[in-house]
Protein backbone atom coordinates (compact mmCIF):
# COMPACT_ATOMS: atom_id res chain seq x y z
CA MET A 1 -1.72 52.93 72.68
CA THR A 2 -5.31 52.28 72.50
CA VAL A 3 -6.15 48.76 72.90
CA ILE A 4 -9.28 47.25 70.77
CA GLU A 5 -10.87 44.53 72.13
CA THR A 6 -12.28 41.71 70.13
CA ARG A 7 -16.36 41.71 70.69
CA ALA A 8 -19.60 40.84 69.06
CA VAL A 9 -21.26 44.04 67.68
CA PRO A 10 -24.89 43.66 67.29
CA VAL A 11 -26.19 44.31 64.21
CA GLU A 12 -28.53 47.60 65.12
CA ALA A 13 -25.03 49.29 66.38
CA PHE A 14 -23.11 48.46 63.21
CA ASP A 15 -21.86 51.83 61.50
CA LEU A 16 -19.74 52.94 59.06
CA SER A 17 -18.30 55.73 61.13
CA GLN A 18 -17.69 53.11 63.99
CA ALA A 19 -15.98 50.77 61.49
CA GLN A 20 -13.65 53.23 59.80
CA GLU A 21 -12.82 54.06 63.39
CA TYR A 22 -11.99 50.57 64.47
CA VAL A 23 -10.10 49.92 61.65
CA THR A 24 -7.98 53.31 61.97
CA VAL A 25 -7.13 51.97 65.53
CA ALA A 26 -6.10 48.71 64.52
CA THR A 27 -4.07 50.11 61.50
CA ASN A 28 -2.23 52.70 64.03
CA GLU A 29 -1.67 49.68 66.58
CA PHE A 30 0.22 47.32 63.84
CA LEU A 31 2.42 50.54 62.29
CA SER A 32 3.72 51.40 65.88
CA GLY A 33 4.90 47.93 66.57
CA LEU A 34 7.30 48.05 63.22
CA PRO A 35 10.58 47.52 64.53
CA ASP A 36 13.33 50.57 63.51
CA PRO A 37 15.30 49.90 60.44
CA LEU A 38 18.28 51.18 61.86
CA ARG A 39 18.13 48.45 64.39
CA LEU A 40 17.47 45.40 61.90
CA GLY A 41 20.17 43.85 60.24
CA MET A 42 20.24 42.05 56.45
CA ALA A 43 18.42 39.07 57.52
CA GLY A 44 15.83 40.99 59.70
CA ARG A 45 15.11 43.37 56.80
CA ARG A 46 15.21 40.29 53.80
CA GLY A 47 12.70 38.13 56.79
CA ILE A 48 10.13 40.95 56.44
CA ILE A 49 10.05 41.81 52.62
CA ALA A 50 9.92 37.65 52.00
CA ARG A 51 7.50 36.71 54.43
CA TYR A 52 5.59 39.93 52.88
CA ALA A 53 6.17 38.57 49.57
CA ALA A 54 5.08 34.99 50.08
CA VAL A 55 1.87 36.15 51.42
CA LEU A 56 0.90 38.73 49.19
CA GLU A 57 2.05 37.18 45.94
CA GLY A 58 -0.39 34.48 45.74
CA ASN A 59 -3.24 35.70 48.26
CA PHE A 60 -4.40 39.10 47.26
CA ILE A 61 -6.43 38.67 44.23
CA TYR A 62 -7.96 35.16 45.71
CA TRP A 63 -9.06 37.18 49.02
CA MET A 64 -10.06 40.03 46.61
CA THR A 65 -12.02 37.66 44.65
CA GLY A 66 -13.68 36.02 47.65
CA ALA A 67 -14.98 39.62 48.75
CA TYR A 68 -16.68 39.86 45.16
CA LEU A 69 -18.22 36.44 45.43
CA SER A 70 -19.54 37.43 48.84
CA ALA A 71 -20.77 40.43 47.89
CA LYS A 72 -24.77 40.60 47.47
CA THR A 73 -25.14 44.57 45.93
CA GLY A 74 -24.15 45.50 42.63
CA GLU A 75 -22.60 48.73 43.99
CA ALA A 76 -20.29 46.66 45.85
CA ARG A 77 -19.03 44.03 42.94
CA ALA A 78 -18.66 47.03 40.57
CA ILE A 79 -16.15 48.69 43.01
CA ILE A 80 -14.44 45.01 43.38
CA VAL A 81 -14.26 44.34 39.93
CA GLU A 82 -12.18 47.80 39.61
CA ASN A 83 -9.79 46.66 41.93
CA LEU A 84 -9.69 43.31 40.44
CA ARG A 85 -8.86 45.20 37.41
CA ASP A 86 -5.93 47.04 38.33
CA GLU A 87 -4.42 44.29 40.23
CA ILE A 88 -4.68 41.67 36.85
CA ALA A 89 -3.93 44.30 34.23
CA ASP A 90 -1.31 45.58 35.71
CA CYS A 91 0.37 42.70 37.07
CA HIS A 92 0.70 43.54 40.63
CA PRO A 93 2.10 39.69 41.33
CA GLY A 94 4.73 40.34 38.94
CA MET A 95 5.78 43.64 40.91
CA MET A 96 5.55 42.30 44.04
CA ARG A 97 8.18 39.32 42.77
CA ARG A 98 10.63 41.84 40.88
CA PHE A 99 10.16 43.81 44.32
CA ALA A 100 11.37 40.96 46.33
CA ILE A 101 14.06 39.77 43.89
CA ALA A 102 15.59 43.22 43.78
CA ALA A 103 15.68 43.32 47.55
CA HIS A 104 17.60 40.02 47.62
CA ALA A 105 14.35 38.53 49.80
CA THR A 106 12.89 35.86 47.37
CA PRO A 107 10.76 33.89 49.89
CA THR A 108 12.18 30.37 50.79
CA GLU A 109 10.48 27.17 52.23
CA GLU A 110 11.45 28.34 55.64
CA ASP A 111 9.81 32.06 54.59
CA THR A 112 6.44 30.25 53.52
CA ALA A 113 6.52 27.93 57.10
CA VAL A 114 6.73 30.75 58.72
CA VAL A 115 3.64 32.43 57.85
CA SER A 116 1.70 28.85 57.06
CA ASP A 117 -0.52 29.05 59.78
CA ASP A 118 -1.73 32.56 60.08
CA LEU A 119 -2.12 31.99 56.17
CA GLY A 120 -4.15 29.03 56.87
CA SER A 121 -6.65 30.63 58.86
CA VAL A 122 -7.07 33.86 57.01
CA ARG A 123 -7.60 31.45 53.88
CA ILE A 124 -10.49 29.26 55.93
CA PHE A 125 -11.90 32.75 56.76
CA VAL A 126 -11.84 34.12 53.39
CA GLY A 127 -13.90 30.90 52.80
CA ARG A 128 -16.80 31.33 54.24
CA LEU A 129 -17.64 34.67 52.11
CA SER A 130 -19.17 36.69 54.57
CA SER A 131 -19.58 39.94 52.75
CA VAL A 132 -19.39 42.25 55.72
CA GLN A 133 -16.65 40.76 57.44
CA MET A 134 -14.83 40.40 54.09
CA LEU A 135 -15.30 43.88 53.23
CA LEU A 136 -13.76 45.31 56.56
CA MET A 137 -10.92 43.14 56.13
CA MET A 138 -10.17 43.98 52.69
CA ALA A 139 -10.83 47.92 53.69
CA PHE A 140 -8.52 47.44 56.86
CA PHE A 141 -5.98 45.63 54.67
CA GLU A 142 -5.53 47.85 51.88
CA GLY A 143 -5.51 51.66 54.05
CA LEU A 144 -2.75 49.85 56.24
CA ILE A 145 -0.77 49.04 52.82
CA GLN A 146 -0.94 52.15 51.73
CA ARG A 147 0.93 53.29 54.96
CA PHE A 148 3.03 50.43 55.19
CA MET A 149 4.33 51.28 51.75
CA PRO A 150 7.30 53.84 52.90
CA TYR A 151 8.15 51.42 55.55
CA LEU A 152 8.88 48.66 53.23
CA ALA A 153 10.54 50.85 50.54
CA ASP A 154 13.01 52.05 53.09
CA LEU A 155 14.14 48.28 53.97
CA ALA A 156 14.46 47.51 50.12
CA MET A 157 16.44 50.43 50.04
CA ARG A 158 18.67 49.53 52.38
CA GLN A 159 19.27 45.71 50.68
CA GLY A 160 20.79 47.84 48.04
CA SER A 161 17.52 47.53 46.08
CA ASP A 162 16.41 50.47 43.21
CA ASP A 163 13.12 48.59 42.04
CA MET A 164 10.54 50.76 43.97
CA GLU A 165 7.70 50.34 41.38
CA TYR A 166 5.20 48.14 43.65
CA THR A 167 5.47 50.31 46.44
CA ASP A 168 5.37 53.35 44.93
CA VAL A 169 1.88 52.17 42.92
CA HIS A 170 0.33 50.91 46.01
CA GLY A 171 1.41 53.85 48.00
CA VAL A 172 -1.10 55.53 45.80
CA CYS A 173 -3.59 53.26 44.40
CA ASP A 174 -4.40 52.04 47.72
CA ILE A 175 -5.88 55.31 48.99
CA ALA A 176 -8.93 55.36 46.40
CA HIS A 177 -9.32 50.96 46.58
CA THR A 178 -9.80 51.74 50.43
CA ALA A 179 -12.31 54.67 50.07
CA GLY A 180 -13.97 52.58 47.48
CA LEU A 181 -14.01 49.60 49.65
CA PHE A 182 -15.81 51.28 52.61
CA ARG A 183 -18.57 52.39 50.30
CA ALA A 184 -18.74 48.62 49.21
CA LEU A 185 -18.93 47.89 53.09
CA ASP A 186 -21.60 50.63 53.40
CA ALA A 187 -24.02 49.02 50.77
CA GLU A 188 -23.29 45.50 51.78
CA ALA A 189 -24.09 46.21 55.77
CA SER A 190 -27.72 47.13 54.89
CA ALA A 191 -28.26 44.52 52.31
CA SER A 192 -26.66 41.55 54.06
CA PRO A 193 -25.87 42.48 57.64
CA VAL A 194 -23.82 40.47 59.96
CA ASP A 195 -25.63 38.06 62.49
CA VAL A 196 -25.95 39.29 65.96
CA TRP A 197 -23.56 36.56 67.38
CA ASN A 198 -20.70 37.24 64.52
CA ASP A 199 -18.05 39.59 65.32
CA PRO A 200 -17.81 41.53 62.23
CA TYR A 201 -13.95 42.69 62.75
CA GLU A 202 -12.97 38.66 62.63
CA GLY A 203 -11.26 38.95 59.38
CA VAL A 204 -9.25 42.36 60.71
CA HIS A 205 -8.30 40.28 63.91
CA LEU A 206 -6.88 37.08 61.36
CA LEU A 207 -4.74 39.67 59.03
CA LYS A 208 -3.71 41.47 61.47
CA THR A 209 -2.40 38.63 63.00
CA LEU A 210 -1.11 37.19 59.87
CA LEU A 211 0.54 40.85 59.17
CA GLU A 212 2.22 40.87 62.53
CA THR A 213 4.08 37.27 61.86
CA ILE A 214 5.12 38.71 58.38
CA VAL A 215 7.04 41.60 60.31
CA HIS A 216 8.10 39.69 63.47
CA GLY A 217 8.29 36.42 61.97
CA ALA A 218 7.44 32.76 64.54
CA GLY A 219 8.59 35.06 67.79
CA ARG A 220 6.34 37.78 67.22
CA VAL A 221 4.74 39.93 70.12
CA LEU A 222 1.07 40.27 69.93
CA SER A 223 0.35 44.29 70.15
CA SER A 224 -3.11 44.25 71.59
CA ALA A 225 -6.30 42.35 72.54
CA VAL A 226 -7.51 42.08 69.01
CA ARG A 227 -7.51 38.17 68.51
């Protein structure tokens, strides 16, 4: 498995193809660490779905709104608005809630507590409104979620669920969303470059850690040096 390292990337060295490659490696690292559904019991399956719902239902639109507020270019803002329109018009948080309920995985106080610290770190990062870093994080997330949906659907089916609207929709729409966010990133990288001493992938690192906590719980094993 290729391991990616945390590093500050000078503005002049940053380009879209490198960013896409970095995000792909981070995504592959995460997916390669997913536990085998056949070896997960009911509590293990429920925990993954519940922690995922505890994070996504109330935070994704907040994250994407942060990306919109941080964007400096009209092109980036237009792309982000289309993403937000899909989320809100089709009530994706409602889809997420129904998905969790049907899988007998409604989040509990304990599920929320497990993800609290890592989620808090992501929220603080989003509040800094750094456009390139935000768009990298969201492009990473959209691409990863599209590839994560079959796994999540498998867990839900093993829980006896027959409500797959959430995973069906996000397994398709997030392909276009990812491509759009990389176009937005390309526009923003020219208009609002990352400071030479800041790591443009900070948001990717933080979100990847949060996702690993969602999957592995409080006793997660870090899959790489990306922190």
